[in-house]
């Protein structure tokens, strides 16, 4: 189990209970992570609740870490939001990065959002409206009637095929399992930390399945989502891996929660800081 880095944030009140954690896993996002952070952090600072941001650099081999560091240097004073930056020594996969982020978060509710800002953090208010005791996850959906989405034909086709396969396997717990905008309760974060194993893109299906196995509720809410391009997902290669992973999840959780827990993925703290 990794240890969370010490809180050394100036100007952010660490004595206040965090209501909302925002977790952003990032891999090869050097070209746009600064734009995302410049939109995300002011939104959190102007919001109605105490919040923190947890960035997880999943072993990026481009300029992602440099871009994060530059952004923090430029916006390093007067922070109202606690910012934690973690880094995997090597690329472990998005599922591993999300587990690391959840493990280092302290919020009563924990939003996992994509680094490309396809769904802006302001959309979390829609999800929080459905958050209540007993609910483990409120998931953003690109397929709900009230969703507003711009998406390429190829991505839509991939999503349709994958969802149909999940339905055949009994794992289609939502209309849109793969939307990168999901709100976790602290309880589900604990369950994920103990029992999750999937490091790749199929982790969403695993976390939903773990919520169901733990007896926690699942809700789905339409969001505004606009495809940004530059995805690291490769439909054929990753699609096959996701289907194999889904079959593995179905088999492993067929009897409910596993008896043996898996420890959290190790993460190297890349620094803790505040920015405004």
C-alpha atoms as a PDB file:
ATOM      1  CA  UNK A   1       0.000   0.000   0.000  1.00  0.00           C
ATOM      2  CA  UNK A   2       1.530   3.344  -1.002  1.00  0.00           C
ATOM      3  CA  UNK A   3       1.695   6.185   1.447  1.00  0.00           C
ATOM      4  CA  UNK A   4      -0.005   9.447   0.566  1.00  0.00           C
ATOM      5  CA  UNK A   5       2.458  12.342   0.354  1.00  0.00           C
ATOM      6  CA  UNK A   6       2.474  14.792   3.205  1.00  0.00           C
ATOM      7  CA  UNK A   7       0.216  17.792   2.775  1.00  0.00           C
ATOM      8  CA  UNK A   8       2.539  20.772   2.318  1.00  0.00           C
ATOM      9  CA  UNK A   9       0.057  23.069   0.635  1.00  0.00           C
ATOM     10  CA  UNK A  10       0.231  26.730   1.503  1.00  0.00           C
ATOM     11  CA  UNK A  11      -2.997  28.756   1.436  1.00  0.00           C
ATOM     12  CA  UNK A  12      -5.206  25.658   1.272  1.00  0.00           C
ATOM     13  CA  UNK A  13      -6.916  24.818   4.572  1.00  0.00           C
ATOM     14  CA  UNK A  14      -5.965  21.191   5.201  1.00  0.00           C
ATOM     15  CA  UNK A  15      -8.069  21.108   8.386  1.00  0.00           C
ATOM     16  CA  UNK A  16     -11.311  21.269   6.413  1.00  0.00           C
ATOM     17  CA  UNK A  17     -12.960  18.038   5.361  1.00  0.00           C
ATOM     18  CA  UNK A  18     -12.771  17.646   1.592  1.00  0.00           C
ATOM     19  CA  UNK A  19     -16.196  17.303   0.020  1.00  0.00           C
ATOM     20  CA  UNK A  20     -15.059  16.658  -3.555  1.00  0.00           C
ATOM     21  CA  UNK A  21     -11.861  15.139  -4.917  1.00  0.00           C
ATOM     22  CA  UNK A  22     -11.182  15.387  -8.652  1.00  0.00           C
ATOM     23  CA  UNK A  23      -8.866  12.706 -10.023  1.00  0.00           C
ATOM     24  CA  UNK A  24      -7.252  13.182 -13.428  1.00  0.00           C
ATOM     25  CA  UNK A  25      -5.215  10.266 -14.820  1.00  0.00           C
ATOM     26  CA  UNK A  26      -2.868  11.466 -17.555  1.00  0.00           C
ATOM     27  CA  UNK A  27      -0.790   9.603 -20.131  1.00  0.00           C
ATOM     28  CA  UNK A  28       0.945  11.458 -22.956  1.00  0.00           C
ATOM     29  CA  UNK A  29      -1.132  14.590 -22.359  1.00  0.00           C
ATOM     30  CA  UNK A  30       1.706  17.101 -22.629  1.00  0.00           C
ATOM     31  CA  UNK A  31      -0.006  18.989 -25.435  1.00  0.00           C
ATOM     32  CA  UNK A  32      -3.218  19.790 -23.576  1.00  0.00           C
ATOM     33  CA  UNK A  33      -2.930  19.143 -19.836  1.00  0.00           C
ATOM     34  CA  UNK A  34      -2.167  22.814 -19.122  1.00  0.00           C
ATOM     35  CA  UNK A  35      -5.367  23.918 -20.884  1.00  0.00           C
ATOM     36  CA  UNK A  36      -7.372  21.388 -18.908  1.00  0.00           C
ATOM     37  CA  UNK A  37      -5.875  22.510 -15.598  1.00  0.00           C
ATOM     38  CA  UNK A  38      -6.414  26.171 -16.445  1.00  0.00           C
ATOM     39  CA  UNK A  39     -10.128  25.428 -16.859  1.00  0.00           C
ATOM     40  CA  UNK A  40     -10.486  22.912 -14.051  1.00  0.00           C
ATOM     41  CA  UNK A  41      -8.837  24.615 -11.083  1.00  0.00           C
ATOM     42  CA  UNK A  42     -10.601  28.018 -11.328  1.00  0.00           C
ATOM     43  CA  UNK A  43     -13.904  26.155 -11.614  1.00  0.00           C
ATOM     44  CA  UNK A  44     -13.165  24.247  -8.411  1.00  0.00           C
ATOM     45  CA  UNK A  45     -12.009  27.417  -6.645  1.00  0.00           C
ATOM     46  CA  UNK A  46     -15.245  29.169  -7.541  1.00  0.00           C
ATOM     47  CA  UNK A  47     -17.397  26.215  -6.558  1.00  0.00           C
ATOM     48  CA  UNK A  48     -19.614  25.847  -3.493  1.00  0.00           C
ATOM     49  CA  UNK A  49     -17.633  23.092  -1.744  1.00  0.00           C
ATOM     50  CA  UNK A  50     -14.169  22.271  -0.444  1.00  0.00           C
ATOM     51  CA  UNK A  51     -12.229  20.344  -3.056  1.00  0.00           C
ATOM     52  CA  UNK A  52      -8.889  18.875  -4.019  1.00  0.00           C
ATOM     53  CA  UNK A  53      -7.255  17.877  -7.292  1.00  0.00           C
ATOM     54  CA  UNK A  54      -5.252  14.664  -7.644  1.00  0.00           C
ATOM     55  CA  UNK A  55      -3.203  14.360 -10.842  1.00  0.00           C
ATOM     56  CA  UNK A  56      -1.722  10.975 -11.738  1.00  0.00           C
ATOM     57  CA  UNK A  57       0.942  10.959 -14.447  1.00  0.00           C
ATOM     58  CA  UNK A  58       0.866   7.345 -15.607  1.00  0.00           C
ATOM     59  CA  UNK A  59       4.485   7.036 -16.696  1.00  0.00           C
ATOM     60  CA  UNK A  60       4.187   9.474 -19.611  1.00  0.00           C
ATOM     61  CA  UNK A  61       7.227   9.583 -21.894  1.00  0.00           C
ATOM     62  CA  UNK A  62       6.380  12.933 -23.480  1.00  0.00           C
ATOM     63  CA  UNK A  63       6.199  16.390 -21.934  1.00  0.00           C
ATOM     64  CA  UNK A  64       3.290  15.688 -19.579  1.00  0.00           C
ATOM     65  CA  UNK A  65       5.237  16.062 -16.341  1.00  0.00           C
ATOM     66  CA  UNK A  66       7.049  19.142 -17.590  1.00  0.00           C
ATOM     67  CA  UNK A  67       3.743  20.734 -18.578  1.00  0.00           C
ATOM     68  CA  UNK A  68       2.268  20.001 -15.146  1.00  0.00           C
ATOM     69  CA  UNK A  69       5.339  21.422 -13.401  1.00  0.00           C
ATOM     70  CA  UNK A  70       5.307  24.544 -15.592  1.00  0.00           C
ATOM     71  CA  UNK A  71       1.631  25.123 -14.893  1.00  0.00           C
ATOM     72  CA  UNK A  72       2.199  24.818 -11.164  1.00  0.00           C
ATOM     73  CA  UNK A  73       5.124  27.269 -11.237  1.00  0.00           C
ATOM     74  CA  UNK A  74       3.052  29.827 -13.119  1.00  0.00           C
ATOM     75  CA  UNK A  75       0.057  29.503 -10.771  1.00  0.00           C
ATOM     76  CA  UNK A  76       1.724  28.741  -7.469  1.00  0.00           C
ATOM     77  CA  UNK A  77       0.335  31.305  -5.022  1.00  0.00           C
ATOM     78  CA  UNK A  78      -2.902  31.906  -3.171  1.00  0.00           C
ATOM     79  CA  UNK A  79      -4.373  28.486  -3.783  1.00  0.00           C
ATOM     80  CA  UNK A  80      -7.857  27.597  -2.631  1.00  0.00           C
ATOM     81  CA  UNK A  81      -7.589  24.008  -3.842  1.00  0.00           C
ATOM     82  CA  UNK A  82      -5.187  21.348  -2.595  1.00  0.00           C
ATOM     83  CA  UNK A  83      -3.290  19.823  -5.513  1.00  0.00           C
ATOM     84  CA  UNK A  84      -1.519  16.472  -5.324  1.00  0.00           C
ATOM     85  CA  UNK A  85       0.685  15.305  -8.194  1.00  0.00           C
ATOM     86  CA  UNK A  86       1.634  11.628  -8.395  1.00  0.00           C
ATOM     87  CA  UNK A  87       3.721   9.813 -10.961  1.00  0.00           C
ATOM     88  CA  UNK A  88       4.101   6.164 -11.923  1.00  0.00           C
ATOM     89  CA  UNK A  89       7.666   5.270 -12.854  1.00  0.00           C
ATOM     90  CA  UNK A  90       6.386   3.373 -15.895  1.00  0.00           C
ATOM     91  CA  UNK A  91       3.099   3.278 -17.784  1.00  0.00           C
ATOM     92  CA  UNK A  92       0.811   0.907 -15.866  1.00  0.00           C
ATOM     93  CA  UNK A  93      -2.519   1.638 -17.545  1.00  0.00           C
ATOM     94  CA  UNK A  94      -5.475   3.906 -16.940  1.00  0.00           C
ATOM     95  CA  UNK A  95      -7.091   1.527 -14.473  1.00  0.00           C
ATOM     96  CA  UNK A  96      -3.931   1.529 -12.371  1.00  0.00           C
ATOM     97  CA  UNK A  97      -3.750   5.330 -12.510  1.00  0.00           C
ATOM     98  CA  UNK A  98      -7.364   5.635 -11.356  1.00  0.00           C
ATOM     99  CA  UNK A  99      -6.696   3.283  -8.427  1.00  0.00           C
ATOM    100  CA  UNK A 100      -3.703   5.368  -7.416  1.00  0.00           C
ATOM    101  CA  UNK A 101      -5.770   8.544  -7.578  1.00  0.00           C
ATOM    102  CA  UNK A 102      -8.609   7.073  -5.542  1.00  0.00           C
ATOM    103  CA  UNK A 103      -6.128   5.820  -2.935  1.00  0.00           C
ATOM    104  CA  UNK A 104      -4.628   9.284  -2.491  1.00  0.00           C
ATOM    105  CA  UNK A 105      -7.949  11.154  -2.392  1.00  0.00           C
ATOM    106  CA  UNK A 106      -9.762  12.192   0.762  1.00  0.00           C
ATOM    107  CA  UNK A 107     -13.090  13.519  -0.506  1.00  0.00           C
ATOM    108  CA  UNK A 108     -16.476  12.199   0.523  1.00  0.00           C
ATOM    109  CA  UNK A 109     -17.133  12.011  -3.240  1.00  0.00           C
ATOM    110  CA  UNK A 110     -14.408  11.474  -5.847  1.00  0.00           C
ATOM    111  CA  UNK A 111     -14.764  12.417  -9.485  1.00  0.00           C
ATOM    112  CA  UNK A 112     -12.619  10.650 -12.070  1.00  0.00           C
ATOM    113  CA  UNK A 113     -12.413  12.683 -15.279  1.00  0.00           C
ATOM    114  CA  UNK A 114     -10.357  12.444 -18.460  1.00  0.00           C
ATOM    115  CA  UNK A 115      -7.382  14.739 -18.972  1.00  0.00           C
ATOM    116  CA  UNK A 116      -8.624  15.861 -22.395  1.00  0.00           C
ATOM    117  CA  UNK A 117     -11.462  17.847 -20.756  1.00  0.00           C
ATOM    118  CA  UNK A 118     -14.040  16.310 -23.109  1.00  0.00           C
ATOM    119  CA  UNK A 119     -16.460  16.631 -20.204  1.00  0.00           C
ATOM    120  CA  UNK A 120     -15.786  19.761 -18.155  1.00  0.00           C
ATOM    121  CA  UNK A 121     -15.617  19.547 -14.380  1.00  0.00           C
ATOM    122  CA  UNK A 122     -18.650  21.856 -14.057  1.00  0.00           C
ATOM    123  CA  UNK A 123     -20.764  18.882 -15.179  1.00  0.00           C
ATOM    124  CA  UNK A 124     -20.089  17.279 -11.787  1.00  0.00           C
ATOM    125  CA  UNK A 125     -23.024  19.249 -10.374  1.00  0.00           C
ATOM    126  CA  UNK A 126     -25.367  17.017 -12.386  1.00  0.00           C
ATOM    127  CA  UNK A 127     -23.774  13.955 -10.831  1.00  0.00           C
ATOM    128  CA  UNK A 128     -23.712  15.321  -7.291  1.00  0.00           C
ATOM    129  CA  UNK A 129     -27.459  15.927  -7.515  1.00  0.00           C
ATOM    130  CA  UNK A 130     -27.858  12.132  -7.584  1.00  0.00           C
ATOM    131  CA  UNK A 131     -25.287  11.407  -4.872  1.00  0.00           C
ATOM    132  CA  UNK A 132     -26.762  10.065  -1.657  1.00  0.00           C
ATOM    133  CA  UNK A 133     -26.044   7.435   1.014  1.00  0.00           C
ATOM    134  CA  UNK A 134     -26.016   3.922  -0.388  1.00  0.00           C
ATOM    135  CA  UNK A 135     -25.018   5.038  -3.891  1.00  0.00           C
ATOM    136  CA  UNK A 136     -21.535   3.919  -4.874  1.00  0.00           C
ATOM    137  CA  UNK A 137     -21.249   5.534  -8.291  1.00  0.00           C
ATOM    138  CA  UNK A 138     -22.950   8.228 -10.321  1.00  0.00           C
ATOM    139  CA  UNK A 139     -21.747   7.896 -13.899  1.00  0.00           C
ATOM    140  CA  UNK A 140     -21.831  10.463 -16.644  1.00  0.00           C
ATOM    141  CA  UNK A 141     -23.531   9.171 -19.786  1.00  0.00           C
ATOM    142  CA  UNK A 142     -23.187  10.111 -23.438  1.00  0.00           C
ATOM    143  CA  UNK A 143     -26.245   8.031 -24.306  1.00  0.00           C
ATOM    144  CA  UNK A 144     -28.845   9.408 -21.890  1.00  0.00           C
ATOM    145  CA  UNK A 145     -31.763  11.336 -23.366  1.00  0.00           C
ATOM    146  CA  UNK A 146     -30.537  14.624 -21.891  1.00  0.00           C
ATOM    147  CA  UNK A 147     -26.881  14.179 -22.921  1.00  0.00           C
ATOM    148  CA  UNK A 148     -25.328  16.640 -25.376  1.00  0.00           C
ATOM    149  CA  UNK A 149     -22.545  14.961 -27.308  1.00  0.00           C
ATOM    150  CA  UNK A 150     -20.278  15.426 -30.297  1.00  0.00           C
ATOM    151  CA  UNK A 151     -18.535  12.173 -31.204  1.00  0.00           C
ATOM    152  CA  UNK A 152     -16.946  10.610 -34.262  1.00  0.00           C
ATOM    153  CA  UNK A 153     -18.638   7.792 -36.141  1.00  0.00           C
ATOM    154  CA  UNK A 154     -15.762   5.393 -35.372  1.00  0.00           C
ATOM    155  CA  UNK A 155     -15.962   6.005 -31.634  1.00  0.00           C
ATOM    156  CA  UNK A 156     -19.740   5.605 -31.677  1.00  0.00           C
ATOM    157  CA  UNK A 157     -19.419   2.302 -33.554  1.00  0.00           C
ATOM    158  CA  UNK A 158     -16.785   1.007 -31.145  1.00  0.00           C
ATOM    159  CA  UNK A 159     -18.976   1.945 -28.180  1.00  0.00           C
ATOM    160  CA  UNK A 160     -22.036   0.252 -29.678  1.00  0.00           C
ATOM    161  CA  UNK A 161     -20.210  -3.017 -30.385  1.00  0.00           C
ATOM    162  CA  UNK A 162     -18.580  -3.100 -26.957  1.00  0.00           C
ATOM    163  CA  UNK A 163     -21.843  -2.339 -25.161  1.00  0.00           C
ATOM    164  CA  UNK A 164     -23.632  -5.079 -27.096  1.00  0.00           C
ATOM    165  CA  UNK A 165     -20.981  -7.590 -26.093  1.00  0.00           C
ATOM    166  CA  UNK A 166     -21.224  -6.542 -22.451  1.00  0.00           C
ATOM    167  CA  UNK A 167     -24.974  -7.040 -22.612  1.00  0.00           C
ATOM    168  CA  UNK A 168     -24.479 -10.616 -23.795  1.00  0.00           C
ATOM    169  CA  UNK A 169     -22.092 -11.175 -20.881  1.00  0.00           C
ATOM    170  CA  UNK A 170     -24.465  -9.684 -18.316  1.00  0.00           C
ATOM    171  CA  UNK A 171     -22.084  -6.797 -17.585  1.00  0.00           C
ATOM    172  CA  UNK A 172     -23.947  -3.901 -19.230  1.00  0.00           C
ATOM    173  CA  UNK A 173     -24.772  -2.213 -15.927  1.00  0.00           C
ATOM    174  CA  UNK A 174     -25.128   1.188 -17.613  1.00  0.00           C
ATOM    175  CA  UNK A 175     -26.099   2.505 -21.003  1.00  0.00           C
ATOM    176  CA  UNK A 176     -22.587   3.989 -21.264  1.00  0.00           C
ATOM    177  CA  UNK A 177     -19.979   2.128 -19.244  1.00  0.00           C
ATOM    178  CA  UNK A 178     -16.952   3.852 -20.775  1.00  0.00           C
ATOM    179  CA  UNK A 179     -17.654   7.569 -20.344  1.00  0.00           C
ATOM    180  CA  UNK A 180     -14.611   9.067 -18.620  1.00  0.00           C
ATOM    181  CA  UNK A 181     -16.604  11.059 -16.081  1.00  0.00           C
ATOM    182  CA  UNK A 182     -17.630   9.094 -12.994  1.00  0.00           C
ATOM    183  CA  UNK A 183     -18.321  10.030  -9.389  1.00  0.00           C
ATOM    184  CA  UNK A 184     -17.296   7.502  -6.710  1.00  0.00           C
ATOM    185  CA  UNK A 185     -18.370   7.437  -3.094  1.00  0.00           C
ATOM    186  CA  UNK A 186     -15.621   7.055  -0.502  1.00  0.00           C
ATOM    187  CA  UNK A 187     -17.020   3.586   0.226  1.00  0.00           C
ATOM    188  CA  UNK A 188     -16.716   2.452  -3.386  1.00  0.00           C
ATOM    189  CA  UNK A 189     -13.198   3.912  -3.507  1.00  0.00           C
ATOM    190  CA  UNK A 190     -12.334   1.652  -0.569  1.00  0.00           C
ATOM    191  CA  UNK A 191     -13.842  -1.390  -2.293  1.00  0.00           C
ATOM    192  CA  UNK A 192     -11.935  -0.603  -5.496  1.00  0.00           C
ATOM    193  CA  UNK A 193      -8.713  -0.229  -3.528  1.00  0.00           C
ATOM    194  CA  UNK A 194      -9.150  -3.650  -1.960  1.00  0.00           C
ATOM    195  CA  UNK A 195     -10.493  -5.708  -4.839  1.00  0.00           C
ATOM    196  CA  UNK A 196      -9.777  -4.106  -8.234  1.00  0.00           C
ATOM    197  CA  UNK A 197      -7.239  -5.760 -10.509  1.00  0.00           C
ATOM    198  CA  UNK A 198      -7.763  -4.406 -14.008  1.00  0.00           C
ATOM    199  CA  UNK A 199      -5.068  -1.955 -15.108  1.00  0.00           C
ATOM    200  CA  UNK A 200      -6.355  -1.269 -18.628  1.00  0.00           C
ATOM    201  CA  UNK A 201      -9.337   0.503 -20.160  1.00  0.00           C
ATOM    202  CA  UNK A 202     -11.828  -2.156 -19.006  1.00  0.00           C
ATOM    203  CA  UNK A 203     -11.457  -0.918 -15.419  1.00  0.00           C
ATOM    204  CA  UNK A 204     -14.802   0.942 -15.698  1.00  0.00           C
ATOM    205  CA  UNK A 205     -16.636  -2.359 -16.099  1.00  0.00           C
ATOM    206  CA  UNK A 206     -14.761  -3.822 -13.143  1.00  0.00           C
ATOM    207  CA  UNK A 207     -15.555  -0.886 -10.856  1.00  0.00           C
ATOM    208  CA  UNK A 208     -19.230  -0.999 -11.788  1.00  0.00           C
ATOM    209  CA  UNK A 209     -19.258  -4.741 -11.146  1.00  0.00           C
ATOM    210  CA  UNK A 210     -17.569  -4.232  -7.778  1.00  0.00           C
ATOM    211  CA  UNK A 211     -20.184  -1.637  -6.819  1.00  0.00           C
ATOM    212  CA  UNK A 212     -22.932  -4.129  -7.614  1.00  0.00           C
ATOM    213  CA  UNK A 213     -21.159  -6.940  -5.749  1.00  0.00           C
ATOM    214  CA  UNK A 214     -20.757  -4.681  -2.706  1.00  0.00           C
ATOM    215  CA  UNK A 215     -24.466  -3.827  -2.707  1.00  0.00           C
ATOM    216  CA  UNK A 216     -23.922  -0.183  -3.612  1.00  0.00           C
ATOM    217  CA  UNK A 217     -26.289   1.693  -5.898  1.00  0.00           C
ATOM    218  CA  UNK A 218     -25.379   2.907  -9.393  1.00  0.00           C
ATOM    219  CA  UNK A 219     -26.912   5.937 -11.114  1.00  0.00           C
ATOM    220  CA  UNK A 220     -26.431   7.374 -14.607  1.00  0.00           C
ATOM    221  CA  UNK A 221     -26.777  11.028 -15.632  1.00  0.00           C
ATOM    222  CA  UNK A 222     -26.557  12.650 -19.059  1.00  0.00           C
ATOM    223  CA  UNK A 223     -23.639  15.066 -19.528  1.00  0.00           C
ATOM    224  CA  UNK A 224     -22.213  17.404 -22.130  1.00  0.00           C
ATOM    225  CA  UNK A 225     -19.288  15.642 -23.795  1.00  0.00           C
ATOM    226  CA  UNK A 226     -17.305  16.767 -26.811  1.00  0.00           C
ATOM    227  CA  UNK A 227     -14.721  14.484 -28.382  1.00  0.00           C
ATOM    228  CA  UNK A 228     -11.265  16.064 -28.367  1.00  0.00           C
ATOM    229  CA  UNK A 229      -9.258  13.741 -30.609  1.00  0.00           C
ATOM    230  CA  UNK A 230      -5.790  12.436 -29.816  1.00  0.00           C
ATOM    231  CA  UNK A 231      -7.076   9.454 -27.827  1.00  0.00           C
ATOM    232  CA  UNK A 232      -4.537   6.793 -26.844  1.00  0.00           C
ATOM    233  CA  UNK A 233      -7.207   4.100 -27.330  1.00  0.00           C
ATOM    234  CA  UNK A 234      -6.573   1.814 -30.326  1.00  0.00           C
ATOM    235  CA  UNK A 235      -9.983   0.324 -31.204  1.00  0.00           C
ATOM    236  CA  UNK A 236      -8.874  -3.096 -32.482  1.00  0.00           C
ATOM    237  CA  UNK A 237      -6.009  -3.774 -30.088  1.00  0.00           C
ATOM    238  CA  UNK A 238      -7.651  -2.294 -27.007  1.00  0.00           C
ATOM    239  CA  UNK A 239     -11.092  -3.565 -27.991  1.00  0.00           C
ATOM    240  CA  UNK A 240      -9.836  -7.153 -27.927  1.00  0.00           C
ATOM    241  CA  UNK A 241      -8.083  -6.565 -24.617  1.00  0.00           C
ATOM    242  CA  UNK A 242     -11.224  -5.044 -23.137  1.00  0.00           C
ATOM    243  CA  UNK A 243     -13.369  -8.000 -24.189  1.00  0.00           C
ATOM    244  CA  UNK A 244     -10.862 -10.431 -22.694  1.00  0.00           C
ATOM    245  CA  UNK A 245     -10.805  -8.307 -19.554  1.00  0.00           C
ATOM    246  CA  UNK A 246     -14.602  -8.254 -19.372  1.00  0.00           C
ATOM    247  CA  UNK A 247     -14.674 -12.055 -19.536  1.00  0.00           C
ATOM    248  CA  UNK A 248     -12.077 -12.166 -16.769  1.00  0.00           C
ATOM    249  CA  UNK A 249     -14.165  -9.808 -14.616  1.00  0.00           C
ATOM    250  CA  UNK A 250     -17.309 -11.861 -15.143  1.00  0.00           C
ATOM    251  CA  UNK A 251     -15.517 -15.027 -14.054  1.00  0.00           C
ATOM    252  CA  UNK A 252     -13.731 -13.506 -11.067  1.00  0.00           C
ATOM    253  CA  UNK A 253     -16.813 -11.767  -9.645  1.00  0.00           C
ATOM    254  CA  UNK A 254     -19.311 -14.512 -10.412  1.00  0.00           C
ATOM    255  CA  UNK A 255     -19.685 -15.254  -6.696  1.00  0.00           C
ATOM    256  CA  UNK A 256     -19.515 -11.678  -5.412  1.00  0.00           C
ATOM    257  CA  UNK A 257     -16.523  -9.898  -3.924  1.00  0.00           C
ATOM    258  CA  UNK A 258     -13.292 -11.941  -3.992  1.00  0.00           C
ATOM    259  CA  UNK A 259     -12.022 -13.246  -0.691  1.00  0.00           C
ATOM    260  CA  UNK A 260      -8.500 -11.969  -1.149  1.00  0.00           C
ATOM    261  CA  UNK A 261      -7.838  -8.267  -1.635  1.00  0.00           C
ATOM    262  CA  UNK A 262      -5.142  -6.857  -3.826  1.00  0.00           C
ATOM    263  CA  UNK A 263      -2.879  -4.083  -2.528  1.00  0.00           C
ATOM    264  CA  UNK A 264      -2.871  -0.666  -4.149  1.00  0.00           C
ATOM    265  CA  UNK A 265      -0.517   0.023  -7.038  1.00  0.00           C
ATOM    266  CA  UNK A 266       2.698   1.748  -5.996  1.00  0.00           C
ATOM    267  CA  UNK A 267       3.027   5.387  -6.981  1.00  0.00           C
ATOM    268  CA  UNK A 268       5.928   7.757  -6.641  1.00  0.00           C
ATOM    269  CA  UNK A 269       4.887  11.193  -5.370  1.00  0.00           C
ATOM    270  CA  UNK A 270       5.900  13.812  -7.901  1.00  0.00           C
ATOM    271  CA  UNK A 271       5.173  16.560  -5.414  1.00  0.00           C
ATOM    272  CA  UNK A 272       2.305  18.178  -3.601  1.00  0.00           C
ATOM    273  CA  UNK A 273       1.457  21.757  -4.278  1.00  0.00           C
ATOM    274  CA  UNK A 274      -1.218  24.362  -4.624  1.00  0.00           C
ATOM    275  CA  UNK A 275      -1.930  26.634  -7.510  1.00  0.00           C
ATOM    276  CA  UNK A 276      -4.338  29.330  -8.404  1.00  0.00           C
END
